[in-house]
Each structure stands twice: as structure tokens, then as C-alpha cells.
Amino acid sequence: PGCPDVLQNYPGHFPDGRPAKSTSIGIKNREGRYIAAL
């Protein structure tokens, strides 16, 4: 649950090799537990 809420602009690749830039936004519930990521 201490994982950063937002990880922004990290590099990656799609399966076909194209470069990607990604952002992951964690969504926590009232109890502070991650229930989703956008």
C-alpha cells in the first residue's frame, strides 16, 4: 500500500517493439487499500 500513488512517464514498449511512455495512477479506497489502477 506504500507504492507511489502516481508513477509518471516511465518508458516501456508495446509487444511489437514500439516505444511507449506510461503513467499509472493508483486508486485507493476509504481504508487506504489499492483497489484499482488507471
Full PDB file with SEQRES, HELIX, SHEET, SSBOND, CRYST1, ORIGX, SCALE, CONECT and MASTER records, all heavy atoms in Angstrom:
SEQRES   1 A   38  PRO GLY CYS PRO ASP VAL LEU GLN ASN TYR PRO GLY HIS          
SEQRES   2 A   38  PHE PRO ASP GLY ARG PRO ALA LYS SER THR SER ILE GLY          
SEQRES   3 A   38  ILE LYS ASN ARG GLU GLY ARG TYR ILE ALA ALA LEU              
SHEET    1 AA1 3 VAL A   6  HIS A  13  0                                        
SHEET    2 AA1 3 PRO A  19  LYS A  28 -1                                        
SHEET    3 AA1 3 TYR A  34  ALA A  37 -1                                        
CRYST1    1.000    1.000    1.000  90.00  90.00  90.00 P 1           1          
ORIGX1      1.000000  0.000000  0.000000        0.00000                         
ORIGX2      0.000000  1.000000  0.000000        0.00000                         
ORIGX3      0.000000  0.000000  1.000000        0.00000                         
SCALE1      1.000000  0.000000  0.000000        0.00000                         
SCALE2      0.000000  1.000000  0.000000        0.00000                         
SCALE3      0.000000  0.000000  1.000000        0.00000                         
ATOM      1  N   PRO A   1       0.810  -1.215   0.000  1.00  0.00           N  
ATOM      2  CA  PRO A   1       0.000   0.000   0.000  1.00  0.00           C  
ATOM      3  C   PRO A   1       0.847   1.270   0.000  1.00  0.00           C  
ATOM      4  O   PRO A   1       0.353   2.348  -0.270  1.00  0.00           O  
ATOM      5  CB  PRO A   1      -0.833  -0.098   1.281  1.00  0.00           C  
ATOM      6  CG  PRO A   1      -0.372  -1.280   2.017  1.00  0.00           C  
ATOM      7  CD  PRO A   1       0.611  -2.033   1.175  1.00  0.00           C  
ATOM      8  N   GLY A   2       2.161   1.141   0.266  1.00  0.00           N  
ATOM      9  CA  GLY A   2       3.063   2.288   0.232  1.00  0.00           C  
ATOM     10  C   GLY A   2       3.589   2.587  -1.160  1.00  0.00           C  
ATOM     11  O   GLY A   2       4.324   3.552  -1.349  1.00  0.00           O  
ATOM     12  N   CYS A   3       3.217   1.772  -2.133  1.00  0.00           N  
ATOM     13  CA  CYS A   3       3.610   2.023  -3.527  1.00  0.00           C  
ATOM     14  C   CYS A   3       3.126   3.429  -3.902  1.00  0.00           C  
ATOM     15  O   CYS A   3       2.045   3.839  -3.505  1.00  0.00           O  
ATOM     16  CB  CYS A   3       2.950   0.963  -4.416  1.00  0.00           C  
ATOM     17  SG  CYS A   3       3.434   1.035  -6.146  1.00  0.00           S  
ATOM     18  N   PRO A   4       3.928   4.194  -4.656  1.00  0.00           N  
ATOM     19  CA  PRO A   4       3.505   5.560  -5.017  1.00  0.00           C  
ATOM     20  C   PRO A   4       2.139   5.584  -5.700  1.00  0.00           C  
ATOM     21  O   PRO A   4       1.828   4.710  -6.510  1.00  0.00           O  
ATOM     22  CB  PRO A   4       4.597   6.026  -5.972  1.00  0.00           C  
ATOM     23  CG  PRO A   4       5.785   5.190  -5.637  1.00  0.00           C  
ATOM     24  CD  PRO A   4       5.245   3.864  -5.203  1.00  0.00           C  
ATOM     25  N   ASP A   5       1.354   6.594  -5.369  1.00  0.00           N  
ATOM     26  CA  ASP A   5       0.027   6.750  -5.982  1.00  0.00           C  
ATOM     27  C   ASP A   5       0.122   6.964  -7.488  1.00  0.00           C  
ATOM     28  O   ASP A   5      -0.718   6.477  -8.241  1.00  0.00           O  
ATOM     29  CB  ASP A   5      -0.713   7.945  -5.376  1.00  0.00           C  
ATOM     30  CG  ASP A   5      -1.159   7.711  -3.952  1.00  0.00           C  
ATOM     31  OD1 ASP A   5      -1.259   6.536  -3.532  1.00  0.00           O  
ATOM     32  OD2 ASP A   5      -1.406   8.701  -3.244  1.00  0.00           O  
ATOM     33  N   VAL A   6       1.134   7.722  -7.902  1.00  0.00           N  
ATOM     34  CA  VAL A   6       1.298   8.022  -9.332  1.00  0.00           C  
ATOM     35  C   VAL A   6       2.727   7.707  -9.748  1.00  0.00           C  
ATOM     36  O   VAL A   6       3.683   8.179  -9.129  1.00  0.00           O  
ATOM     37  CB  VAL A   6       0.987   9.514  -9.633  1.00  0.00           C  
ATOM     38  CG1 VAL A   6       1.222   9.824 -11.108  1.00  0.00           C  
ATOM     39  CG2 VAL A   6      -0.439   9.866  -9.228  1.00  0.00           C  
ATOM     40  N   LEU A   7       2.851   6.889 -10.765  1.00  0.00           N  
ATOM     41  CA  LEU A   7       4.134   6.633 -11.422  1.00  0.00           C  
ATOM     42  C   LEU A   7       3.981   7.222 -12.821  1.00  0.00           C  
ATOM     43  O   LEU A   7       3.165   6.755 -13.604  1.00  0.00           O  
ATOM     44  CB  LEU A   7       4.427   5.137 -11.478  1.00  0.00           C  
ATOM     45  CG  LEU A   7       4.588   4.482 -10.111  1.00  0.00           C  
ATOM     46  CD1 LEU A   7       4.594   2.975 -10.238  1.00  0.00           C  
ATOM     47  CD2 LEU A   7       5.868   4.963  -9.453  1.00  0.00           C  
ATOM     48  N   GLN A   8       4.754   8.249 -13.108  1.00  0.00           N  
ATOM     49  CA  GLN A   8       4.518   9.028 -14.317  1.00  0.00           C  
ATOM     50  C   GLN A   8       5.683   8.983 -15.283  1.00  0.00           C  
ATOM     51  O   GLN A   8       6.843   9.032 -14.892  1.00  0.00           O  
ATOM     52  CB  GLN A   8       4.244  10.479 -13.923  1.00  0.00           C  
ATOM     53  CG  GLN A   8       3.638  11.290 -15.019  1.00  0.00           C  
ATOM     54  CD  GLN A   8       2.902  12.489 -14.461  1.00  0.00           C  
ATOM     55  OE1 GLN A   8       3.088  12.894 -13.330  1.00  0.00           O  
ATOM     56  NE2 GLN A   8       2.060  13.067 -15.278  1.00  0.00           N  
ATOM     57  N   ASN A   9       5.317   8.872 -16.563  1.00  0.00           N  
ATOM     58  CA  ASN A   9       6.256   8.990 -17.680  1.00  0.00           C  
ATOM     59  C   ASN A   9       7.377   7.962 -17.653  1.00  0.00           C  
ATOM     60  O   ASN A   9       8.520   8.277 -17.985  1.00  0.00           O  
ATOM     61  CB  ASN A   9       6.842  10.400 -17.749  1.00  0.00           C  
ATOM     62  CG  ASN A   9       5.782  11.437 -18.049  1.00  0.00           C  
ATOM     63  OD1 ASN A   9       4.826  11.166 -18.765  1.00  0.00           O  
ATOM     64  ND2 ASN A   9       5.922  12.614 -17.493  1.00  0.00           N  
ATOM     65  N   TYR A  10       7.076   6.737 -17.273  1.00  0.00           N  
ATOM     66  CA  TYR A  10       8.119   5.714 -17.300  1.00  0.00           C  
ATOM     67  C   TYR A  10       8.138   5.054 -18.677  1.00  0.00           C  
ATOM     68  O   TYR A  10       7.106   4.913 -19.329  1.00  0.00           O  
ATOM     69  CB  TYR A  10       7.965   4.699 -16.163  1.00  0.00           C  
ATOM     70  CG  TYR A  10       6.673   3.933 -16.112  1.00  0.00           C  
ATOM     71  CD1 TYR A  10       6.544   2.714 -16.770  1.00  0.00           C  
ATOM     72  CD2 TYR A  10       5.589   4.410 -15.379  1.00  0.00           C  
ATOM     73  CE1 TYR A  10       5.356   1.998 -16.700  1.00  0.00           C  
ATOM     74  CE2 TYR A  10       4.416   3.705 -15.310  1.00  0.00           C  
ATOM     75  CZ  TYR A  10       4.305   2.496 -15.972  1.00  0.00           C  
ATOM     76  OH  TYR A  10       3.137   1.789 -15.910  1.00  0.00           O  
ATOM     77  N   PRO A  11       9.324   4.699 -19.168  1.00  0.00           N  
ATOM     78  CA  PRO A  11       9.443   4.135 -20.510  1.00  0.00           C  
ATOM     79  C   PRO A  11       9.035   2.666 -20.549  1.00  0.00           C  
ATOM     80  O   PRO A  11       9.136   1.950 -19.557  1.00  0.00           O  
ATOM     81  CB  PRO A  11      10.929   4.288 -20.831  1.00  0.00           C  
ATOM     82  CG  PRO A  11      11.591   4.247 -19.491  1.00  0.00           C  
ATOM     83  CD  PRO A  11      10.624   4.886 -18.526  1.00  0.00           C  
ATOM     84  N   GLY A  12       8.581   2.263 -21.707  1.00  0.00           N  
ATOM     85  CA  GLY A  12       8.226   0.868 -21.941  1.00  0.00           C  
ATOM     86  C   GLY A  12       8.144   0.614 -23.425  1.00  0.00           C  
ATOM     87  O   GLY A  12       8.547   1.464 -24.243  1.00  0.00           O  
ATOM     88  N   HIS A  13       7.634  -0.546 -23.769  1.00  0.00           N  
ATOM     89  CA  HIS A  13       7.460  -0.919 -25.174  1.00  0.00           C  
ATOM     90  C   HIS A  13       6.179  -1.711 -25.339  1.00  0.00           C  
ATOM     91  O   HIS A  13       5.792  -2.457 -24.436  1.00  0.00           O  
ATOM     92  CB  HIS A  13       8.636  -1.769 -25.667  1.00  0.00           C  
ATOM     93  CG  HIS A  13       9.898  -1.009 -25.821  1.00  0.00           C  
ATOM     94  ND1 HIS A  13      10.778  -0.805 -24.778  1.00  0.00           N  
ATOM     95  CD2 HIS A  13      10.420  -0.367 -26.896  1.00  0.00           C  
ATOM     96  CE1 HIS A  13      11.796  -0.081 -25.214  1.00  0.00           C  
ATOM     97  NE2 HIS A  13      11.601   0.202 -26.484  1.00  0.00           N  
ATOM     98  N   PHE A  14       5.538  -1.548 -26.471  1.00  0.00           N  
ATOM     99  CA  PHE A  14       4.402  -2.386 -26.813  1.00  0.00           C  
ATOM    100  C   PHE A  14       4.939  -3.721 -27.322  1.00  0.00           C  
ATOM    101  O   PHE A  14       6.121  -3.827 -27.674  1.00  0.00           O  
ATOM    102  CB  PHE A  14       3.535  -1.698 -27.876  1.00  0.00           C  
ATOM    103  CG  PHE A  14       2.842  -0.469 -27.353  1.00  0.00           C  
ATOM    104  CD1 PHE A  14       3.235   0.797 -27.748  1.00  0.00           C  
ATOM    105  CD2 PHE A  14       1.797  -0.579 -26.448  1.00  0.00           C  
ATOM    106  CE1 PHE A  14       2.609   1.930 -27.264  1.00  0.00           C  
ATOM    107  CE2 PHE A  14       1.158   0.539 -25.946  1.00  0.00           C  
ATOM    108  CZ  PHE A  14       1.559   1.798 -26.356  1.00  0.00           C  
ATOM    109  N   PRO A  15       4.110  -4.759 -27.369  1.00  0.00           N  
ATOM    110  CA  PRO A  15       4.585  -6.076 -27.806  1.00  0.00           C  
ATOM    111  C   PRO A  15       5.279  -6.085 -29.173  1.00  0.00           C  
ATOM    112  O   PRO A  15       6.163  -6.899 -29.408  1.00  0.00           O  
ATOM    113  CB  PRO A  15       3.314  -6.924 -27.827  1.00  0.00           C  
ATOM    114  CG  PRO A  15       2.428  -6.289 -26.816  1.00  0.00           C  
ATOM    115  CD  PRO A  15       2.723  -4.809 -26.928  1.00  0.00           C  
ATOM    116  N   ASP A  16       4.901  -5.156 -30.050  1.00  0.00           N  
ATOM    117  CA  ASP A  16       5.518  -5.121 -31.385  1.00  0.00           C  
ATOM    118  C   ASP A  16       6.815  -4.305 -31.421  1.00  0.00           C  
ATOM    119  O   ASP A  16       7.407  -4.100 -32.472  1.00  0.00           O  
ATOM    120  CB  ASP A  16       4.538  -4.599 -32.425  1.00  0.00           C  
ATOM    121  CG  ASP A  16       4.104  -3.165 -32.195  1.00  0.00           C  
ATOM    122  OD1 ASP A  16       4.624  -2.502 -31.256  1.00  0.00           O  
ATOM    123  OD2 ASP A  16       3.234  -2.689 -32.943  1.00  0.00           O  
ATOM    124  N   GLY A  17       7.268  -3.823 -30.255  1.00  0.00           N  
ATOM    125  CA  GLY A  17       8.538  -3.116 -30.170  1.00  0.00           C  
ATOM    126  C   GLY A  17       8.435  -1.603 -30.175  1.00  0.00           C  
ATOM    127  O   GLY A  17       9.421  -0.917 -29.901  1.00  0.00           O  
ATOM    128  N   ARG A  18       7.262  -1.052 -30.493  1.00  0.00           N  
ATOM    129  CA  ARG A  18       7.127   0.411 -30.483  1.00  0.00           C  
ATOM    130  C   ARG A  18       7.367   0.951 -29.077  1.00  0.00           C  
ATOM    131  O   ARG A  18       6.913   0.370 -28.103  1.00  0.00           O  
ATOM    132  CB  ARG A  18       5.728   0.839 -30.938  1.00  0.00           C  
ATOM    133  CG  ARG A  18       5.494   0.673 -32.412  1.00  0.00           C  
ATOM    134  CD  ARG A  18       4.056   0.978 -32.763  1.00  0.00           C  
ATOM    135  NE  ARG A  18       3.217  -0.037 -32.108  1.00  0.00           N  
ATOM    136  CZ  ARG A  18       1.971   0.162 -31.703  1.00  0.00           C  
ATOM    137  NH1 ARG A  18       1.381   1.320 -31.894  1.00  0.00           N  
ATOM    138  NH2 ARG A  18       1.288  -0.808 -31.121  1.00  0.00           N  
ATOM    139  N   PRO A  19       8.070   2.083 -28.988  1.00  0.00           N  
ATOM    140  CA  PRO A  19       8.315   2.668 -27.664  1.00  0.00           C  
ATOM    141  C   PRO A  19       7.033   3.279 -27.087  1.00  0.00           C  
ATOM    142  O   PRO A  19       6.189   3.795 -27.818  1.00  0.00           O  
ATOM    143  CB  PRO A  19       9.360   3.749 -27.944  1.00  0.00           C  
ATOM    144  CG  PRO A  19       9.135   4.127 -29.374  1.00  0.00           C  
ATOM    145  CD  PRO A  19       8.674   2.867 -30.066  1.00  0.00           C  
ATOM    146  N   ALA A  20       6.931   3.195 -25.777  1.00  0.00           N  
ATOM    147  CA  ALA A  20       5.776   3.751 -25.073  1.00  0.00           C  
ATOM    148  C   ALA A  20       6.256   4.574 -23.892  1.00  0.00           C  
ATOM    149  O   ALA A  20       7.346   4.347 -23.358  1.00  0.00           O  
ATOM    150  CB  ALA A  20       4.868   2.629 -24.591  1.00  0.00           C  
ATOM    151  N   LYS A  21       5.436   5.528 -23.518  1.00  0.00           N  
ATOM    152  CA  LYS A  21       5.627   6.267 -22.272  1.00  0.00           C  
ATOM    153  C   LYS A  21       4.346   6.038 -21.480  1.00  0.00           C  
ATOM    154  O   LYS A  21       3.247   6.190 -22.017  1.00  0.00           O  
ATOM    155  CB  LYS A  21       5.853   7.745 -22.545  1.00  0.00           C  
ATOM    156  CG  LYS A  21       6.076   8.537 -21.283  1.00  0.00           C  
ATOM    157  CD  LYS A  21       6.668   9.917 -21.477  1.00  0.00           C  
ATOM    158  CE  LYS A  21       5.965  10.796 -22.443  1.00  0.00           C  
ATOM    159  NZ  LYS A  21       6.431  12.187 -22.396  1.00  0.00           N  
ATOM    160  N   SER A  22       4.491   5.644 -20.233  1.00  0.00           N  
ATOM    161  CA  SER A  22       3.326   5.238 -19.454  1.00  0.00           C  
ATOM    162  C   SER A  22       3.198   6.014 -18.157  1.00  0.00           C  
ATOM    163  O   SER A  22       4.189   6.465 -17.581  1.00  0.00           O  
ATOM    164  CB  SER A  22       3.408   3.746 -19.132  1.00  0.00           C  
ATOM    165  OG  SER A  22       3.426   2.980 -20.322  1.00  0.00           O  
ATOM    166  N   THR A  23       1.961   6.110 -17.706  1.00  0.00           N  
ATOM    167  CA  THR A  23       1.638   6.674 -16.407  1.00  0.00           C  
ATOM    168  C   THR A  23       0.611   5.764 -15.760  1.00  0.00           C  
ATOM    169  O   THR A  23      -0.343   5.341 -16.412  1.00  0.00           O  
ATOM    170  CB  THR A  23       1.082   8.104 -16.533  1.00  0.00           C  
ATOM    171  OG1 THR A  23       2.123   8.953 -17.020  1.00  0.00           O  
ATOM    172  CG2 THR A  23       0.576   8.645 -15.204  1.00  0.00           C  
ATOM    173  N   SER A  24       0.817   5.460 -14.490  1.00  0.00           N  
ATOM    174  CA  SER A  24      -0.098   4.601 -13.742  1.00  0.00           C  
ATOM    175  C   SER A  24      -0.551   5.348 -12.494  1.00  0.00           C  
ATOM    176  O   SER A  24       0.273   5.825 -11.715  1.00  0.00           O  
ATOM    177  CB  SER A  24       0.608   3.297 -13.356  1.00  0.00           C  
ATOM    178  OG  SER A  24      -0.252   2.480 -12.594  1.00  0.00           O  
ATOM    179  N   ILE A  25      -1.869   5.428 -12.326  1.00  0.00           N  
ATOM    180  CA  ILE A  25      -2.462   6.160 -11.213  1.00  0.00           C  
ATOM    181  C   ILE A  25      -3.189   5.149 -10.332  1.00  0.00           C  
ATOM    182  O   ILE A  25      -4.162   4.519 -10.768  1.00  0.00           O  
ATOM    183  CB  ILE A  25      -3.459   7.217 -11.718  1.00  0.00           C  
ATOM    184  CG1 ILE A  25      -2.770   8.150 -12.713  1.00  0.00           C  
ATOM    185  CG2 ILE A  25      -4.075   7.979 -10.547  1.00  0.00           C  
ATOM    186  CD1 ILE A  25      -3.726   8.885 -13.636  1.00  0.00           C  
ATOM    187  N   GLY A  26      -2.703   4.966  -9.108  1.00  0.00           N  
ATOM    188  CA  GLY A  26      -3.350   4.050  -8.182  1.00  0.00           C  
ATOM    189  C   GLY A  26      -4.571   4.696  -7.553  1.00  0.00           C  
ATOM    190  O   GLY A  26      -4.579   5.890  -7.254  1.00  0.00           O  
ATOM    191  N   ILE A  27      -5.606   3.897  -7.388  1.00  0.00           N  
ATOM    192  CA  ILE A  27      -6.850   4.371  -6.775  1.00  0.00           C  
ATOM    193  C   ILE A  27      -7.067   3.582  -5.489  1.00  0.00           C  
ATOM    194  O   ILE A  27      -7.172   2.350  -5.523  1.00  0.00           O  
ATOM    195  CB  ILE A  27      -8.040   4.193  -7.741  1.00  0.00           C  
ATOM    196  CG1 ILE A  27      -7.786   5.004  -9.026  1.00  0.00           C  
ATOM    197  CG2 ILE A  27      -9.353   4.597  -7.073  1.00  0.00           C  
ATOM    198  CD1 ILE A  27      -8.747   4.708 -10.152  1.00  0.00           C  
ATOM    199  N   LYS A  28      -7.101   4.299  -4.376  1.00  0.00           N  
ATOM    200  CA  LYS A  28      -7.290   3.662  -3.067  1.00  0.00           C  
ATOM    201  C   LYS A  28      -8.724   3.861  -2.581  1.00  0.00           C  
ATOM    202  O   LYS A  28      -9.373   4.867  -2.898  1.00  0.00           O  
ATOM    203  CB  LYS A  28      -6.331   4.269  -2.043  1.00  0.00           C  
ATOM    204  CG  LYS A  28      -4.884   3.918  -2.269  1.00  0.00           C  
ATOM    205  CD  LYS A  28      -4.016   4.514  -1.178  1.00  0.00           C  
ATOM    206  CE  LYS A  28      -2.564   4.133  -1.356  1.00  0.00           C  
ATOM    207  NZ  LYS A  28      -1.709   4.742  -0.314  1.00  0.00           N  
ATOM    208  N   ASN A  29      -9.166   2.914  -1.780  1.00  0.00           N  
ATOM    209  CA  ASN A  29     -10.484   3.045  -1.164  1.00  0.00           C  
ATOM    210  C   ASN A  29     -10.364   3.768   0.174  1.00  0.00           C  
ATOM    211  O   ASN A  29      -9.270   4.206   0.562  1.00  0.00           O  
ATOM    212  CB  ASN A  29     -11.168   1.674  -1.028  1.00  0.00           C  
ATOM    213  CG  ASN A  29     -10.443   0.737  -0.090  1.00  0.00           C  
ATOM    214  OD1 ASN A  29      -9.493   1.108   0.598  1.00  0.00           O  
ATOM    215  ND2 ASN A  29     -10.900  -0.505  -0.057  1.00  0.00           N  
ATOM    216  N   ARG A  30     -11.460   3.863   0.859  1.00  0.00           N  
ATOM    217  CA  ARG A  30     -11.514   4.573   2.137  1.00  0.00           C  
ATOM    218  C   ARG A  30     -10.526   4.000   3.157  1.00  0.00           C  
ATOM    219  O   ARG A  30      -9.983   4.723   3.991  1.00  0.00           O  
ATOM    220  CB  ARG A  30     -12.936   4.496   2.690  1.00  0.00           C  
ATOM    221  CG  ARG A  30     -13.149   5.236   3.984  1.00  0.00           C  
ATOM    222  CD  ARG A  30     -14.542   4.998   4.532  1.00  0.00           C  
ATOM    223  NE  ARG A  30     -15.561   5.379   3.591  1.00  0.00           N  
ATOM    224  CZ  ARG A  30     -16.291   6.491   3.670  1.00  0.00           C  
ATOM    225  NH1 ARG A  30     -16.094   7.327   4.665  1.00  0.00           N  
ATOM    226  NH2 ARG A  30     -17.205   6.775   2.777  1.00  0.00           N  
ATOM    227  N   GLU A  31     -10.280   2.686   3.076  1.00  0.00           N  
ATOM    228  CA  GLU A  31      -9.363   2.031   4.010  1.00  0.00           C  
ATOM    229  C   GLU A  31      -7.893   2.219   3.637  1.00  0.00           C  
ATOM    230  O   GLU A  31      -7.003   1.738   4.331  1.00  0.00           O  
ATOM    231  CB  GLU A  31      -9.669   0.531   4.100  1.00  0.00           C  
ATOM    232  CG  GLU A  31     -10.976   0.215   4.818  1.00  0.00           C  
ATOM    233  CD  GLU A  31     -12.186   0.403   3.915  1.00  0.00           C  
ATOM    234  OE1 GLU A  31     -12.097   0.107   2.714  1.00  0.00           O  
ATOM    235  OE2 GLU A  31     -13.228   0.863   4.419  1.00  0.00           O  
ATOM    236  N   GLY A  32      -7.621   2.883   2.510  1.00  0.00           N  
ATOM    237  CA  GLY A  32      -6.247   3.111   2.081  1.00  0.00           C  
ATOM    238  C   GLY A  32      -5.640   1.954   1.307  1.00  0.00           C  
ATOM    239  O   GLY A  32      -4.433   1.898   1.115  1.00  0.00           O  
ATOM    240  N   ARG A  33      -6.480   1.031   0.851  1.00  0.00           N  
ATOM    241  CA  ARG A  33      -6.024  -0.132   0.083  1.00  0.00           C  
ATOM    242  C   ARG A  33      -6.220   0.149  -1.405  1.00  0.00           C  
ATOM    243  O   ARG A  33      -7.254   0.653  -1.828  1.00  0.00           O  
ATOM    244  CB  ARG A  33      -6.829  -1.363   0.500  1.00  0.00           C  
ATOM    245  CG  ARG A  33      -6.406  -2.649  -0.142  1.00  0.00           C  
ATOM    246  CD  ARG A  33      -7.151  -3.847   0.442  1.00  0.00           C  
ATOM    247  NE  ARG A  33      -8.594  -3.678   0.489  1.00  0.00           N  
ATOM    248  CZ  ARG A  33      -9.422  -4.014  -0.498  1.00  0.00           C  
ATOM    249  NH1 ARG A  33      -8.977  -4.545  -1.604  1.00  0.00           N  
ATOM    250  NH2 ARG A  33     -10.718  -3.826  -0.359  1.00  0.00           N  
ATOM    251  N   TYR A  34      -5.199  -0.174  -2.217  1.00  0.00           N  
ATOM    252  CA  TYR A  34      -5.345  -0.014  -3.669  1.00  0.00           C  
ATOM    253  C   TYR A  34      -6.390  -0.992  -4.179  1.00  0.00           C  
ATOM    254  O   TYR A  34      -6.289  -2.197  -3.948  1.00  0.00           O  
ATOM    255  CB  TYR A  34      -4.024  -0.290  -4.391  1.00  0.00           C  
ATOM    256  CG  TYR A  34      -3.042   0.853  -4.309  1.00  0.00           C  
ATOM    257  CD1 TYR A  34      -1.857   0.731  -3.614  1.00  0.00           C  
ATOM    258  CD2 TYR A  34      -3.313   2.051  -4.959  1.00  0.00           C  
ATOM    259  CE1 TYR A  34      -0.955   1.781  -3.543  1.00  0.00           C  
ATOM    260  CE2 TYR A  34      -2.412   3.110  -4.894  1.00  0.00           C  
ATOM    261  CZ  TYR A  34      -1.244   2.972  -4.187  1.00  0.00           C  
ATOM    262  OH  TYR A  34      -0.367   4.011  -4.124  1.00  0.00           O  
ATOM    263  N   ILE A  35      -7.394  -0.451  -4.855  1.00  0.00           N  
ATOM    264  CA  ILE A  35      -8.419  -1.307  -5.455  1.00  0.00           C  
ATOM    265  C   ILE A  35      -8.378  -1.250  -6.976  1.00  0.00           C  
ATOM    266  O   ILE A  35      -8.962  -2.098  -7.647  1.00  0.00           O  
ATOM    267  CB  ILE A  35      -9.836  -0.940  -4.967  1.00  0.00           C  
ATOM    268  CG1 ILE A  35     -10.180   0.509  -5.323  1.00  0.00           C  
ATOM    269  CG2 ILE A  35      -9.971  -1.215  -3.481  1.00  0.00           C  
ATOM    270  CD1 ILE A  35     -11.648   0.825  -5.233  1.00  0.00           C  
ATOM    271  N   ALA A  36      -7.688  -0.247  -7.522  1.00  0.00           N  
ATOM    272  CA  ALA A  36      -7.653  -0.089  -8.976  1.00  0.00           C  
ATOM    273  C   ALA A  36      -6.433   0.714  -9.392  1.00  0.00           C  
ATOM    274  O   ALA A  36      -5.783   1.364  -8.569  1.00  0.00           O  
ATOM    275  CB  ALA A  36      -8.922   0.620  -9.467  1.00  0.00           C  
ATOM    276  N   ALA A  37      -6.146   0.629 -10.674  1.00  0.00           N  
ATOM    277  CA  ALA A  37      -5.113   1.469 -11.273  1.00  0.00           C  
ATOM    278  C   ALA A  37      -5.607   1.897 -12.647  1.00  0.00           C  
ATOM    279  O   ALA A  37      -6.110   1.075 -13.423  1.00  0.00           O  
ATOM    280  CB  ALA A  37      -3.800   0.721 -11.385  1.00  0.00           C  
ATOM    281  N   LEU A  38      -5.486   3.169 -12.916  1.00  0.00           N  
ATOM    282  CA  LEU A  38      -5.822   3.728 -14.219  1.00  0.00           C  
ATOM    283  C   LEU A  38      -4.499   4.004 -14.923  1.00  0.00           C  
ATOM    284  O   LEU A  38      -3.681   4.785 -14.428  1.00  0.00           O  
ATOM    285  CB  LEU A  38      -6.627   5.021 -14.055  1.00  0.00           C  
ATOM    286  CG  LEU A  38      -7.145   5.661 -15.323  1.00  0.00           C  
ATOM    287  CD1 LEU A  38      -8.127   4.736 -16.045  1.00  0.00           C  
ATOM    288  CD2 LEU A  38      -7.816   6.984 -15.009  1.00  0.00           C  
TER     289      LEU A  38                                                      
MASTER        0    0    0    0    3    0    0    6  288    1    0    3          
END                                                                             
